């Protein structure tokens, strides 16, 4: 079992393809149930592997990448890559 006291920087340095809900929660400083809600409402990407639900590490980290925010705001990335970063289309 991997350690559950992790930071965003440690996740960036990791070579694992996926992270657990517990690891995501520890990195964000929230309860694992909050991560579960994010997975259920689609704001946190996830993959179901058998009975387990895991989070793709790279997709999770992109949610917190300030460079992606800058590129989305400038209109340099496609709509699908920026989905959820700037709010619903009605807010733009």
Protein backbone atom coordinates (compact mmCIF):
# COMPACT_ATOMS: atom_id res chain seq x y z
CA UNK A 1 0.00 0.00 0.00
CA UNK A 2 1.30 3.45 -0.92
CA UNK A 3 1.56 6.24 1.62
CA UNK A 4 -1.52 8.43 1.98
CA UNK A 5 0.31 11.57 3.07
CA UNK A 6 1.11 13.06 -0.32
CA UNK A 7 1.33 16.48 -1.89
CA UNK A 8 0.60 17.69 -5.41
CA UNK A 9 4.37 17.97 -5.95
CA UNK A 10 4.87 14.35 -4.90
CA UNK A 11 2.14 13.28 -7.31
CA UNK A 12 3.89 15.21 -10.11
CA UNK A 13 7.13 13.35 -9.33
CA UNK A 14 5.43 9.95 -9.14
CA UNK A 15 5.71 7.42 -11.96
CA UNK A 16 2.42 5.66 -11.14
CA UNK A 17 -0.25 5.85 -13.84
CA UNK A 18 -3.12 6.14 -11.37
CA UNK A 19 -3.80 7.38 -7.85
CA UNK A 20 -6.39 6.36 -5.29
CA UNK A 21 -9.18 8.48 -3.87
CA UNK A 22 -7.31 8.55 -0.56
CA UNK A 23 -4.12 9.86 -2.21
CA UNK A 24 -6.07 12.51 -4.13
CA UNK A 25 -7.83 13.58 -0.93
CA UNK A 26 -4.54 13.79 0.99
CA UNK A 27 -2.95 15.90 -1.75
CA UNK A 28 -5.93 18.27 -1.76
CA UNK A 29 -6.34 18.33 2.02
CA UNK A 30 -9.96 17.17 1.87
CA UNK A 31 -11.93 14.17 3.07
CA UNK A 32 -11.94 11.17 0.67
CA UNK A 33 -15.74 11.47 0.47
CA UNK A 34 -15.25 14.87 -1.16
CA UNK A 35 -13.14 13.21 -3.86
CA UNK A 36 -15.84 10.57 -4.29
CA UNK A 37 -18.42 13.31 -4.88
CA UNK A 38 -16.09 14.91 -7.45
CA UNK A 39 -15.76 11.57 -9.23
CA UNK A 40 -19.53 11.03 -9.20
CA UNK A 41 -20.31 14.50 -10.60
CA UNK A 42 -17.57 14.26 -13.23
CA UNK A 43 -15.31 17.05 -11.99
CA UNK A 44 -12.54 14.54 -11.16
CA UNK A 45 -11.66 12.04 -13.90
CA UNK A 46 -11.77 8.37 -12.98
CA UNK A 47 -11.47 4.86 -14.37
CA UNK A 48 -13.25 1.79 -13.05
CA UNK A 49 -10.97 -1.25 -12.88
CA UNK A 50 -13.11 -4.15 -11.77
CA UNK A 51 -14.59 -3.05 -8.46
CA UNK A 52 -11.95 -0.36 -7.89
CA UNK A 53 -12.25 3.24 -9.00
CA UNK A 54 -8.90 4.95 -9.61
CA UNK A 55 -7.91 8.38 -10.87
CA UNK A 56 -5.57 8.85 -13.84
CA UNK A 57 -2.65 10.78 -12.32
CA UNK A 58 -1.87 12.98 -15.35
CA UNK A 59 -5.50 14.02 -15.88
CA UNK A 60 -5.88 14.78 -12.17
CA UNK A 61 -2.74 16.93 -12.15
CA UNK A 62 -3.91 18.87 -15.21
CA UNK A 63 -6.84 20.11 -13.14
CA UNK A 64 -4.32 22.12 -11.10
CA UNK A 65 -1.96 23.26 -13.87
CA UNK A 66 -1.87 27.09 -14.02
CA UNK A 67 -0.36 26.95 -17.53
CA UNK A 68 -3.45 25.11 -18.81
CA UNK A 69 -5.66 27.81 -17.27
CA UNK A 70 -3.66 30.50 -19.03
CA UNK A 71 -3.88 28.72 -22.39
CA UNK A 72 -7.61 28.13 -22.02
CA UNK A 73 -8.29 31.74 -21.15
CA UNK A 74 -6.24 32.87 -24.14
CA UNK A 75 -8.21 30.54 -26.43
CA UNK A 76 -5.16 28.53 -27.51
CA UNK A 77 -6.59 25.11 -26.62
CA UNK A 78 -9.60 23.28 -27.98
CA UNK A 79 -12.95 23.35 -26.23
CA UNK A 80 -12.68 19.73 -25.05
CA UNK A 81 -9.28 20.24 -23.39
CA UNK A 82 -10.61 23.27 -21.51
CA UNK A 83 -13.97 21.78 -20.51
CA UNK A 84 -14.79 22.59 -16.90
CA UNK A 85 -11.93 25.07 -16.48
CA UNK A 86 -13.85 28.24 -17.27
CA UNK A 87 -17.35 27.32 -16.15
CA UNK A 88 -20.31 26.44 -18.35
CA UNK A 89 -20.55 28.17 -21.76
CA UNK A 90 -23.31 30.46 -20.45
CA UNK A 91 -20.81 32.00 -18.00
CA UNK A 92 -18.26 32.94 -20.66
